[in-house]
Protein backbone atom coordinates (compact mmCIF):
# COMPACT_ATOMS: atom_id res chain seq x y z
CA MET A 1 0.15 0.14 -0.09
CA SER A 2 1.47 3.13 -1.10
CA PHE A 3 0.87 6.49 0.91
CA THR A 4 2.43 9.96 -0.04
CA ALA A 5 4.51 11.79 2.23
CA SER A 6 1.46 13.90 2.84
CA ASP A 7 -0.72 10.87 4.15
CA ILE A 8 2.06 10.06 6.47
CA LYS A 9 1.87 13.48 7.86
CA GLN A 10 -1.53 13.37 8.02
CA ILE A 11 -1.67 9.76 9.75
CA GLU A 12 1.01 10.77 12.39
CA SER A 13 -0.75 14.19 13.13
CA LYS A 14 -3.61 11.89 14.41
CA GLY A 15 -1.31 9.62 16.56
CA LEU A 16 -1.53 6.77 14.45
CA THR A 17 1.70 5.04 12.93
CA LEU A 18 1.91 3.80 9.45
CA LYS A 19 2.19 0.21 10.50
CA MET A 20 -1.13 0.66 12.61
CA VAL A 21 -3.05 1.84 9.41
CA GLU A 22 -1.57 -0.86 7.13
CA SER A 23 -2.69 -3.12 9.82
CA GLN A 24 -6.16 -2.03 9.39
CA ILE A 25 -6.37 -2.21 5.73
CA THR A 26 -5.20 -5.71 6.05
CA LEU A 27 -8.41 -6.32 8.35
CA PHE A 28 -10.58 -5.14 5.51
CA LYS A 29 -8.80 -7.41 3.17
CA THR A 30 -8.72 -10.45 5.21
CA GLY A 31 -12.05 -9.84 6.65
CA ILE A 32 -12.92 -10.25 10.33
CA PRO A 33 -13.78 -13.67 11.86
CA PHE A 34 -17.43 -14.32 12.74
CA THR A 35 -18.04 -14.76 16.58
CA ASN A 36 -18.49 -18.27 17.36
CA ILE A 37 -21.51 -18.84 19.80
CA ALA A 38 -21.92 -22.18 21.58
CA GLU A 39 -25.29 -21.29 23.25
CA ALA A 40 -27.38 -18.57 24.35
CA ALA A 41 -26.68 -17.73 28.41
CA THR A 42 -30.00 -18.21 29.56
CA LYS A 43 -31.53 -18.20 33.13
CA ASN A 44 -29.53 -20.50 35.59
CA ASN A 45 -26.98 -20.91 32.65
CA GLY A 46 -25.01 -18.14 32.61
CA VAL A 47 -27.68 -15.55 33.73
CA ILE A 48 -28.64 -15.25 37.37
CA GLY A 49 -32.08 -14.89 38.34
CA LEU A 50 -32.84 -12.30 41.23
CA ASN A 51 -35.30 -13.20 44.24
CA ASP A 52 -35.99 -11.10 47.02
CA ASP A 53 -33.51 -13.04 49.37
CA LEU A 54 -30.69 -12.29 47.17
CA ILE A 55 -31.73 -8.75 46.40
CA THR A 56 -31.82 -7.96 49.93
CA LYS A 57 -28.36 -9.43 50.66
CA ALA A 58 -26.70 -7.59 47.63
CA ILE A 59 -28.18 -4.28 48.58
CA ALA A 60 -27.10 -5.08 52.10
CA LYS A 61 -23.48 -5.87 50.94
CA PHE A 62 -23.42 -2.60 48.65
CA GLU A 63 -24.45 -0.48 51.73
CA GLU A 64 -22.19 -1.91 54.09
CA GLN A 65 -19.01 -1.68 51.85
CA LYS A 66 -19.69 1.53 49.64
CA ASN A 67 -18.10 3.91 51.80
CA ASP A 68 -15.00 1.83 51.94
CA VAL A 69 -14.50 2.06 48.01
CA SER A 70 -14.41 4.82 45.70
CA LEU A 71 -17.37 5.11 43.22
CA LEU A 72 -17.83 6.38 39.72
CA LYS A 73 -20.38 6.83 37.06
CA PHE A 74 -19.05 6.68 33.51
CA VAL A 75 -21.52 8.02 30.90
CA PRO A 76 -20.88 7.53 27.09
CA ALA A 77 -22.45 10.93 25.75
CA SER A 78 -20.51 12.00 22.43
CA GLY A 79 -23.27 11.28 20.31
CA ALA A 80 -25.61 14.13 18.67
CA ALA A 81 -29.11 13.56 18.69
CA THR A 82 -29.31 13.20 14.71
CA ARG A 83 -30.69 9.61 14.50
CA MET A 84 -33.46 10.53 17.13
CA PHE A 85 -35.06 12.65 14.42
CA LYS A 86 -34.23 10.65 11.35
CA PHE A 87 -37.84 10.00 10.10
CA LEU A 88 -38.47 13.97 10.59
CA PHE A 89 -35.60 15.08 8.53
CA LYS A 90 -36.76 12.71 5.87
CA PHE A 91 -40.20 14.33 6.29
CA LEU A 92 -38.67 17.80 5.56
CA GLN A 93 -36.78 16.76 2.74
CA GLU A 94 -39.84 14.86 0.87
CA TYR A 95 -43.08 16.56 1.98
CA GLU A 96 -44.29 19.25 0.15
CA LEU A 97 -46.27 21.77 2.08
CA ASP A 98 -48.28 22.81 -0.90
CA GLY A 99 -49.30 19.61 -1.92
CA GLU A 100 -51.12 16.70 -0.38
CA SER A 101 -52.08 17.27 3.60
CA VAL A 102 -50.01 15.66 5.84
CA ASN A 103 -52.43 12.72 6.78
CA SER A 104 -52.63 11.80 3.23
CA TYR A 105 -48.76 11.60 3.18
CA ILE A 106 -48.87 9.38 6.13
CA ASN A 107 -51.46 7.13 4.72
CA LYS A 108 -49.84 6.75 1.30
CA LYS A 109 -46.26 6.05 2.80
CA LYS A 110 -47.61 4.20 6.03
CA LEU A 111 -45.61 6.37 8.38
CA LYS A 112 -46.58 5.28 11.89
CA ASP A 113 -43.69 7.00 13.35
CA LEU A 114 -44.68 10.48 11.99
CA SER A 115 -48.28 9.60 12.79
CA LEU A 116 -47.54 8.82 16.54
CA PHE A 117 -45.44 12.14 16.35
CA MET A 118 -48.31 14.14 15.44
CA ILE A 119 -50.67 12.33 18.00
CA GLY A 120 -48.28 13.14 20.95
CA LEU A 121 -47.23 16.53 19.85
CA GLU A 122 -48.33 18.22 22.86
CA LYS A 123 -46.67 15.49 25.26
CA PHE A 124 -43.11 16.23 23.88
CA PRO A 125 -41.35 18.38 26.65
CA PHE A 126 -39.96 20.81 24.15
CA TYR A 127 -43.37 21.31 22.80
CA LYS A 128 -43.73 25.08 24.26
CA LEU A 129 -40.19 25.87 23.33
CA VAL A 130 -41.05 25.14 19.83
CA ILE A 131 -44.00 27.20 20.04
CA GLN A 132 -42.20 30.26 21.33
CA GLN A 133 -39.48 29.78 18.75
CA LEU A 134 -42.16 29.84 15.87
CA GLU A 135 -43.89 33.13 17.65
CA SER A 136 -40.56 34.83 17.80
CA GLY A 137 -40.45 34.47 13.86
CA HIS A 138 -44.03 35.87 13.75
CA ILE A 139 -45.72 32.68 13.00
CA LYS A 140 -49.22 32.17 14.85
CA PHE A 141 -49.20 28.14 15.44
CA ASP A 142 -53.05 28.30 16.35
CA GLU A 143 -53.85 29.86 12.99
CA LEU A 144 -52.27 27.02 11.20
CA ASN A 145 -54.06 24.04 9.51
CA ASP A 146 -52.91 20.68 10.58
CA SER A 147 -50.52 20.17 7.76
CA GLN A 148 -48.90 23.48 8.35
CA LYS A 149 -48.59 22.92 12.28
CA VAL A 150 -46.57 19.65 11.74
CA TRP A 151 -44.28 20.95 8.98
CA TYR A 152 -43.53 24.43 10.65
CA PHE A 153 -43.05 22.72 14.41
CA VAL A 154 -40.58 20.05 12.79
CA LYS A 155 -38.50 22.85 10.70
CA ALA A 156 -38.42 25.15 13.76
CA MET A 157 -36.83 21.92 15.93
CA LEU A 158 -34.49 20.85 13.34
CA ASP A 159 -33.38 23.81 11.39
CA LYS A 160 -29.87 25.12 12.05
CA ASP A 161 -30.78 28.74 12.28
CA GLN A 162 -33.68 27.67 14.62
CA LEU A 163 -33.65 25.30 17.69
CA ASN A 164 -31.06 22.96 15.62
CA TYR A 165 -32.35 19.57 17.88
CA GLY A 166 -30.52 17.32 15.35
CA ASN A 167 -27.38 18.66 15.95
CA CYS A 168 -27.50 18.94 19.76
CA PRO A 169 -25.91 16.54 21.73
CA LYS A 170 -28.19 13.93 23.03
CA GLY A 171 -27.41 14.26 26.56
CA LEU A 172 -28.51 18.08 26.59
CA LEU A 173 -31.83 17.86 24.64
CA PRO A 174 -35.05 18.74 26.80
CA PHE A 175 -36.10 15.11 27.85
CA HIS A 176 -38.38 15.40 30.75
CA LYS A 177 -40.85 18.28 31.54
CA TYR A 178 -41.59 18.63 35.12
CA SER A 179 -42.99 22.09 34.95
CA ASP A 180 -42.98 24.98 32.59
CA ASP A 181 -39.81 26.15 34.50
CA HIS A 182 -38.27 22.80 34.77
CA ILE A 183 -37.29 20.79 31.55
CA ALA A 184 -34.75 18.19 32.36
CA THR A 185 -32.20 17.16 30.11
CA ALA A 186 -30.43 13.50 30.26
CA PHE A 187 -27.32 14.84 31.61
CA GLU A 188 -29.47 16.37 34.49
CA GLU A 189 -31.27 12.94 35.05
CA HIS A 190 -27.91 11.18 35.47
CA LEU A 191 -26.91 13.69 38.22
CA TYR A 192 -30.09 12.76 40.46
CA GLU A 193 -29.86 9.05 39.67
CA ALA A 194 -26.17 8.94 40.78
CA ALA A 195 -27.09 10.85 43.93
CA LEU A 196 -28.92 7.62 44.70
CA TYR A 197 -26.16 4.98 44.25
CA ALA A 198 -22.88 6.56 43.28
CA SER A 199 -21.93 8.81 46.15
CA ASN A 200 -19.38 8.40 48.96
CA GLY A 201 -20.50 10.45 51.77
CA ASN A 202 -22.04 13.46 50.31
CA THR A 203 -20.20 13.47 46.85
CA ALA A 204 -20.97 11.66 43.49
CA ASN A 205 -18.14 11.45 40.87
CA LEU A 206 -19.31 11.22 37.08
CA HIS A 207 -17.41 11.08 33.88
CA PHE A 208 -18.93 12.03 30.82
CA THR A 209 -17.05 11.04 27.38
CA ILE A 210 -18.30 13.86 25.15
CA SER A 211 -17.02 15.51 21.67
CA GLU A 212 -14.78 18.20 22.41
CA ASP A 213 -16.58 20.94 20.44
CA HIS A 214 -19.57 20.35 23.22
CA GLU A 215 -17.84 20.68 26.31
CA ASP A 216 -18.66 24.17 27.04
CA LYS A 217 -22.31 23.36 26.55
CA PHE A 218 -22.02 20.45 29.04
CA LYS A 219 -20.40 22.78 31.28
CA LYS A 220 -22.78 25.47 31.19
CA GLU A 221 -25.76 22.84 31.66
CA PHE A 222 -24.03 21.90 34.89
CA SER A 223 -23.83 25.10 36.08
CA ASN A 224 -27.57 26.02 35.50
CA VAL A 225 -28.66 22.92 37.47
CA GLU A 226 -25.95 22.22 39.98
CA LYS A 227 -27.49 24.33 42.73
CA ASP A 228 -31.10 23.01 42.34
CA VAL A 229 -29.79 19.33 42.00
CA THR A 230 -27.36 19.90 45.23
CA GLU A 231 -29.96 21.17 47.15
CA ASN A 232 -32.72 18.79 46.26
CA THR A 233 -30.15 15.72 46.97
CA SER A 234 -27.80 17.28 49.61
CA ILE A 235 -25.19 15.78 47.40
CA ASN A 236 -22.04 17.57 45.74
CA PHE A 237 -21.00 16.67 42.16
CA GLU A 238 -17.54 16.10 41.00
CA ILE A 239 -17.68 16.17 36.89
CA GLY A 240 -15.07 14.91 34.69
CA TYR A 241 -15.24 14.84 30.87
CA SER A 242 -13.13 13.29 28.29
CA TYR A 243 -13.01 12.92 24.50
CA GLN A 244 -12.95 10.07 21.75
CA GLU A 245 -9.03 10.38 20.92
CA GLU A 246 -8.08 10.99 17.37
CA SER A 247 -5.60 8.17 17.72
CA THR A 248 -8.70 5.68 18.00
CA ASP A 249 -9.91 6.78 14.43
CA THR A 250 -9.76 4.28 11.87
CA ILE A 251 -9.11 4.49 8.37
CA ALA A 252 -11.97 4.41 5.54
CA VAL A 253 -11.29 2.11 2.48
CA THR A 254 -13.13 1.79 -0.93
CA PRO A 255 -15.09 -1.39 -1.75
CA ASN A 256 -11.67 -2.48 -3.44
CA ASN A 257 -9.91 -1.92 -0.05
CA GLU A 258 -8.12 1.06 -1.25
CA PRO A 259 -7.73 4.10 0.91
CA PHE A 260 -11.02 6.36 0.55
CA ARG A 261 -10.18 9.91 -0.19
CA ASN A 262 -11.95 13.13 0.57
CA GLU A 263 -12.18 15.72 -2.44
CA ASP A 264 -9.29 17.47 -1.27
CA GLY A 265 -7.15 14.39 -1.81
CA SER A 266 -6.78 13.56 1.90
CA VAL A 267 -7.26 10.18 3.41
CA LEU A 268 -10.88 9.70 5.50
CA PHE A 269 -10.56 8.47 8.91
CA ARG A 270 -13.61 7.80 11.03
CA PRO A 271 -14.69 7.58 14.70
CA SER A 272 -14.08 4.01 15.31
CA GLY A 273 -17.39 3.37 17.53
CA HIS A 274 -17.91 2.96 21.18
CA GLY A 275 -14.63 0.47 21.54
CA ALA A 276 -12.70 3.63 21.43
CA LEU A 277 -13.99 4.58 24.68
CA LEU A 278 -11.83 1.95 26.41
CA LYS A 279 -8.80 4.47 26.41
CA ASN A 280 -11.08 6.91 28.29
CA LEU A 281 -12.38 4.03 30.87
CA ASN A 282 -8.72 3.28 31.26
CA ALA A 283 -7.83 6.61 32.05
CA VAL A 284 -10.25 7.29 35.04
CA ASP A 285 -9.55 5.98 38.71
CA ALA A 286 -12.06 4.26 40.85
CA ASP A 287 -12.57 0.84 42.37
CA ILE A 288 -16.28 0.49 41.19
CA ILE A 289 -17.56 2.09 37.87
CA PHE A 290 -21.17 1.92 36.84
CA ILE A 291 -21.62 2.30 33.09
CA LYS A 292 -24.69 3.72 31.58
CA ASN A 293 -25.57 5.32 28.40
CA ILE A 294 -26.60 8.61 28.47
CA ASP A 295 -30.26 8.12 26.88
CA ASN A 296 -31.12 5.56 29.12
CA VAL A 297 -32.72 7.87 32.09
CA VAL A 298 -36.24 8.07 33.83
CA VAL A 299 -38.32 10.56 35.24
CA ASN A 300 -38.11 11.08 39.20
CA GLN A 301 -40.83 8.71 40.07
CA TYR A 302 -38.98 5.80 38.78
CA LYS A 303 -35.39 6.78 39.88
CA GLU A 304 -35.67 4.84 43.23
CA GLU A 305 -36.69 1.38 41.33
CA ILE A 306 -33.73 2.07 39.18
CA ALA A 307 -31.10 2.72 41.91
CA LYS A 308 -32.34 -0.40 43.71
CA TYR A 309 -31.06 -2.48 40.71
CA LYS A 310 -27.80 -0.70 40.61
CA LYS A 311 -27.14 -1.51 44.12
CA VAL A 312 -28.02 -5.12 43.52
CA LEU A 313 -25.59 -5.36 40.82
CA ALA A 314 -22.89 -3.41 42.73
CA GLY A 315 -23.57 -5.86 45.78
CA ILE A 316 -23.26 -8.92 43.65
CA LEU A 317 -19.83 -7.43 42.26
CA LEU A 318 -18.54 -6.49 45.63
CA ARG A 319 -18.97 -10.07 47.10
CA LEU A 320 -17.85 -11.84 44.10
CA GLN A 321 -14.66 -9.37 44.30
CA SER A 322 -14.02 -10.26 47.74
CA LYS A 323 -14.02 -13.91 47.34
CA THR A 324 -11.85 -13.54 44.29
CA PHE A 325 -9.27 -11.26 46.29
CA SER A 326 -9.23 -13.91 48.94
CA CYS A 327 -8.60 -16.45 46.77
CA LEU A 328 -5.70 -14.49 45.06
CA GLU A 329 -4.26 -14.02 48.17
CA LYS A 330 -3.97 -17.51 49.32
CA LEU A 331 -2.70 -18.25 45.93
CA ASP A 332 0.03 -15.60 46.06
CA ASN A 333 1.03 -17.20 49.25
CA GLY A 334 1.68 -20.50 48.04
CA ASN A 335 0.35 -22.67 50.61
CA VAL A 336 -2.80 -23.97 49.22
CA SER A 337 -3.97 -27.34 50.11
CA GLU A 338 -5.76 -29.76 47.89
CA ASN A 339 -9.11 -28.92 49.27
CA GLU A 340 -8.80 -25.36 48.97
CA LEU A 341 -7.57 -25.59 45.20
CA THR A 342 -10.88 -27.89 44.91
CA ASP A 343 -12.71 -24.80 46.51
CA ILE A 344 -11.08 -22.23 44.28
CA VAL A 345 -12.04 -24.42 41.00
CA GLU A 346 -15.90 -24.47 42.30
CA PHE A 347 -15.68 -20.88 43.20
CA LEU A 348 -14.44 -20.05 39.50
CA THR A 349 -17.16 -22.40 37.87
CA ARG A 350 -19.94 -21.99 39.80
CA GLU A 351 -19.83 -18.11 40.59
CA LEU A 352 -17.61 -16.65 38.08
CA ASN A 353 -19.03 -18.74 35.43
CA VAL A 354 -15.38 -19.47 34.12
CA ARG A 355 -15.06 -22.94 32.46
CA ILE A 356 -11.88 -24.85 33.32
CA SER A 357 -9.61 -26.77 30.91
CA GLU A 358 -10.49 -30.66 30.92
CA GLU A 359 -6.79 -31.03 31.16
CA PHE A 360 -6.79 -29.08 34.39
CA ASP A 361 -6.38 -32.23 36.92
CA LYS A 362 -3.34 -33.60 34.76
CA TYR A 363 -1.55 -30.09 35.64
CA SER A 364 1.14 -30.14 38.17
CA GLU A 365 0.50 -28.44 41.31
CA LYS A 366 2.47 -25.32 40.69
CA TYR A 367 0.91 -25.00 36.98
CA LYS A 368 -2.40 -25.46 38.52
CA MET A 369 -1.81 -22.49 40.92
CA ASP A 370 -0.58 -20.21 38.02
CA TYR A 371 -3.73 -21.16 35.82
CA LEU A 372 -6.07 -20.30 38.71
CA VAL A 373 -4.14 -17.03 39.17
CA GLU A 374 -4.35 -16.21 35.29
CA LYS A 375 -8.06 -17.05 35.34
CA LEU A 376 -9.26 -15.09 38.61
CA ASN A 377 -6.55 -11.97 38.33
CA ARG A 378 -8.69 -10.05 35.65
CA PRO A 379 -11.36 -7.13 35.90
CA ILE A 380 -14.69 -8.10 36.86
CA ARG A 381 -17.96 -6.76 35.28
CA VAL A 382 -21.61 -7.54 36.47
CA CYS A 383 -24.14 -6.97 33.68
CA GLY A 384 -27.72 -6.33 33.81
CA MET A 385 -29.73 -8.38 31.28
CA VAL A 386 -33.37 -7.76 30.47
CA LYS A 387 -35.58 -10.22 28.99
CA ASN A 388 -35.44 -10.11 25.27
CA GLU A 389 -38.55 -8.19 23.69
CA GLY A 390 -37.34 -7.75 20.22
CA GLU A 391 -34.76 -4.89 20.58
CA PRO A 392 -32.12 -5.08 18.08
CA GLY A 393 -28.60 -5.27 19.36
CA GLY A 394 -26.35 -7.44 21.25
CA GLY A 395 -27.26 -10.13 24.19
CA PRO A 396 -25.41 -12.70 26.36
CA PHE A 397 -23.83 -15.81 25.08
CA TRP A 398 -21.45 -18.53 25.78
CA VAL A 399 -18.67 -18.16 23.01
CA ASN A 400 -15.95 -20.36 21.80
CA ASP A 401 -12.78 -18.57 21.20
CA LYS A 402 -9.92 -19.64 18.77
CA ASN A 403 -8.31 -21.62 21.20
CA GLY A 404 -11.20 -23.59 22.40
CA ASN A 405 -11.73 -21.96 25.35
CA GLN A 406 -15.59 -21.04 26.31
CA SER A 407 -16.69 -18.01 28.01
CA LEU A 408 -19.62 -15.56 28.62
CA GLN A 409 -19.64 -12.45 26.16
CA ILE A 410 -21.99 -9.73 24.85
CA VAL A 411 -22.41 -10.40 21.40
CA GLU A 412 -23.69 -8.13 18.77
CA SER A 413 -26.23 -9.81 15.98
CA ALA A 414 -23.50 -8.32 13.37
CA GLN A 415 -20.76 -10.44 14.83
CA ILE A 416 -22.68 -13.86 13.91
CA ASN A 417 -22.92 -15.58 10.80
CA LEU A 418 -26.50 -15.71 10.06
CA LYS A 419 -25.68 -18.03 6.80
CA ASP A 420 -24.95 -20.55 9.40
CA LYS A 421 -28.11 -22.35 10.39
CA SER A 422 -26.88 -23.66 13.59
CA GLN A 423 -25.30 -20.15 14.67
CA LYS A 424 -28.76 -18.68 13.55
CA ASN A 425 -30.76 -20.85 15.59
CA ILE A 426 -28.76 -20.21 18.61
CA LEU A 427 -29.48 -16.50 18.14
CA LYS A 428 -33.13 -17.25 17.79
CA ASN A 429 -33.17 -19.07 21.06
CA SER A 430 -31.60 -16.46 22.76
CA THR A 431 -33.90 -15.25 25.86
CA HIS A 432 -32.09 -11.89 27.06
CA PHE A 433 -30.71 -8.66 25.72
CA ASN A 434 -28.08 -6.16 26.61
CA PRO A 435 -29.16 -2.83 27.91
CA VAL A 436 -25.80 -1.51 28.72
CA ASP A 437 -26.06 -1.43 32.37
CA LEU A 438 -22.54 -2.54 33.74
CA VAL A 439 -20.86 -2.22 37.24
CA CYS A 440 -17.08 -2.77 36.80
CA GLY A 441 -14.27 -3.74 39.37
CA VAL A 442 -11.04 -2.35 37.44
CA LYS A 443 -8.30 -3.20 40.36
CA ASN A 444 -6.67 -6.13 41.33
CA TYR A 445 -6.22 -7.90 45.00
CA LYS A 446 -3.37 -5.43 45.50
CA GLY A 447 -5.41 -2.10 44.92
CA GLU A 448 -3.61 -1.82 41.58
CA LYS A 449 -5.48 -0.67 38.37
CA PHE A 450 -5.47 -3.30 35.64
CA ASN A 451 -4.47 -2.12 32.31
CA LEU A 452 -7.68 -2.82 30.40
CA GLU A 453 -5.72 -2.70 26.99
CA ASP A 454 -4.56 -6.34 28.10
CA PHE A 455 -7.98 -7.79 28.04
CA VAL A 456 -9.29 -7.02 24.53
CA ASP A 457 -10.04 -9.27 21.84
CA HIS A 458 -8.72 -7.64 18.88
CA ASP A 459 -10.31 -10.09 16.52
CA ALA A 460 -13.78 -8.89 17.50
CA ALA A 461 -14.08 -5.76 15.48
CA PHE A 462 -16.45 -4.85 13.01
CA ILE A 463 -16.54 -3.81 9.39
CA THR A 464 -19.65 -1.90 8.25
CA MET A 465 -20.61 -0.31 4.65
CA LYS A 466 -21.17 3.52 4.73
CA THR A 467 -21.23 6.09 2.26
CA LYS A 468 -20.03 9.86 1.74
CA ALA A 469 -20.67 12.25 -0.99
CA GLY A 470 -22.76 9.45 -2.82
CA LYS A 471 -19.83 6.99 -2.82
CA ASP A 472 -19.55 3.79 -0.92
CA LEU A 473 -17.19 2.88 1.61
CA LYS A 474 -15.97 0.20 4.28
CA ALA A 475 -15.41 1.59 7.98
CA LEU A 476 -13.81 -0.47 10.80
CA GLU A 477 -15.14 -0.24 14.41
CA LEU A 478 -12.96 -1.33 17.07
CA PRO A 479 -14.03 -3.89 19.48
CA GLY A 480 -17.02 -2.66 21.30
CA LEU A 481 -16.82 -1.46 24.88
CA TRP A 482 -18.92 -4.09 26.29
CA ASN A 483 -17.93 -6.68 23.46
CA GLY A 484 -14.56 -7.39 22.34
CA SER A 485 -13.15 -4.76 24.54
CA MET A 486 -14.18 -6.38 27.75
CA ALA A 487 -13.63 -10.06 26.39
CA TYR A 488 -11.06 -11.37 28.75
CA TRP A 489 -12.67 -10.05 32.02
CA ASN A 490 -14.50 -12.22 34.12
CA THR A 491 -18.19 -11.74 33.34
CA ILE A 492 -21.49 -12.16 35.47
CA PHE A 493 -24.96 -11.81 33.94
CA VAL A 494 -27.77 -10.88 35.98
CA GLU A 495 -31.61 -10.68 34.89
CA VAL A 496 -32.99 -7.19 35.88
CA PRO A 497 -36.49 -5.81 35.21
CA ILE A 498 -37.24 -4.24 31.83
CA ILE A 499 -37.80 -0.98 33.86
CA THR A 500 -34.25 -0.32 33.92
CA PHE A 501 -34.01 -0.32 30.21
CA ASN A 502 -35.59 3.15 28.68
CA PRO A 503 -33.44 4.41 25.91
CA VAL A 504 -34.35 7.50 23.93
CA LYS A 505 -33.48 5.99 20.43
CA THR A 506 -36.22 7.58 18.34
CA VAL A 507 -37.89 10.88 19.54
CA ASN A 508 -41.28 8.92 19.85
CA ASP A 509 -39.70 7.13 22.76
CA LEU A 510 -40.06 10.47 24.93
CA LEU A 511 -43.60 9.67 24.84
CA LYS A 512 -43.25 6.42 26.78
CA ALA A 513 -44.24 6.12 30.38
CA PRO A 514 -40.68 6.48 31.85
CA HIS A 515 -40.33 9.70 30.24
CA GLN A 516 -43.55 11.31 31.15
CA ILE A 517 -44.74 13.07 34.22
CA LYS A 518 -48.01 11.57 35.72
């Protein structure tokens, strides 16, 4: 692959090396192997089912230990809200105000999304804000006919010279309307939620991964809400921000695997998906880290229920981490009896879901101990899983790696060979879905931070087809943050209720009960 001196200068300016870029191009050429799923992780086969006793004990464990560990809530929040309004952008492009009525347009094209948007118009948290925007432009909303109302409303929302919601960070959009004077963003809701479970003493620490262009907007939002949130919760907030590093961008290529070039001749690089945030996660310092997406929030009346299950997951993590550390200390001391080795193996298999090599009994005593240390001395993640109700995305599976080892992983459907009937049947029989609800222990038994880069399966990347300026291109995404980036962590899946999963993927999701004030 020949790169010009200008190309190499561009590559190095991003913190990349020529060797790294060439290895990315090699991946495009060779392709990325599909994940080999062995079976779906189901209740009592990789997924822990909760009962009242387990819930009570896990919460008690968390409450007992939370002030002895540092807590942090980590929120991926760099995305703009463009996809939320995809069907509305299309409406503005296609619909002619002087032509047919909006109802005729909806019926002809069978646009359920647009119909629901119209029906729920006054229930959206930004309804009055949009009306005020229209009035500032001397448009009298009440005097418009139904078609005009929808068109002008959507245009005021999305037009770059008006509210420009489509280019706003999703975390700073109006999400929940408590009153005319209090419309909460997702960012604000994360603060209130963190106060319930991610605080030590009277301080809660949060870290948001954002676009560098939006940092001033997030800081302004925090200054606007800090006083009220602090007074209402009696909690002070320490907020950190970081950006997706340019060095995690990946090269785009043509369908023939040649570097894709912009109109000015420069090479096109693209952000490499949420897997790039592993660097950000690796840079923060806390004993226990809660991970939750920016759009997965609820109105106040549901927050206690949400916090309850966060405490459950954290309590399960602390219990398993304590046992893990105890096992590692014994192994480190070197004086482990045969019975103690058996107990450690049982703990690994029964409670950490680690499948031990069939050759284990043939190992020498020293090699047995080294093997167990290697299996135990890893970051731990406890992941909430909800019952699958047809949502797109990843789920929990037992996976075979290239060395024949089997482990629990979160796998996206794009990673599975759907042309293979047996693989497709395993996917079809899966029972749970990944809502991105993780509690992570990222330090070892000596209190030292793991280098999370050491636990990545680099083969678990993605190649996707995109377009730019009307031309097809292939894009490379790094192993997802909770997929291949955490492949060699010890993983626990726990079934949590559907109320814990309330993402706002489309604007109409704001009409659902967890986002509406009763």
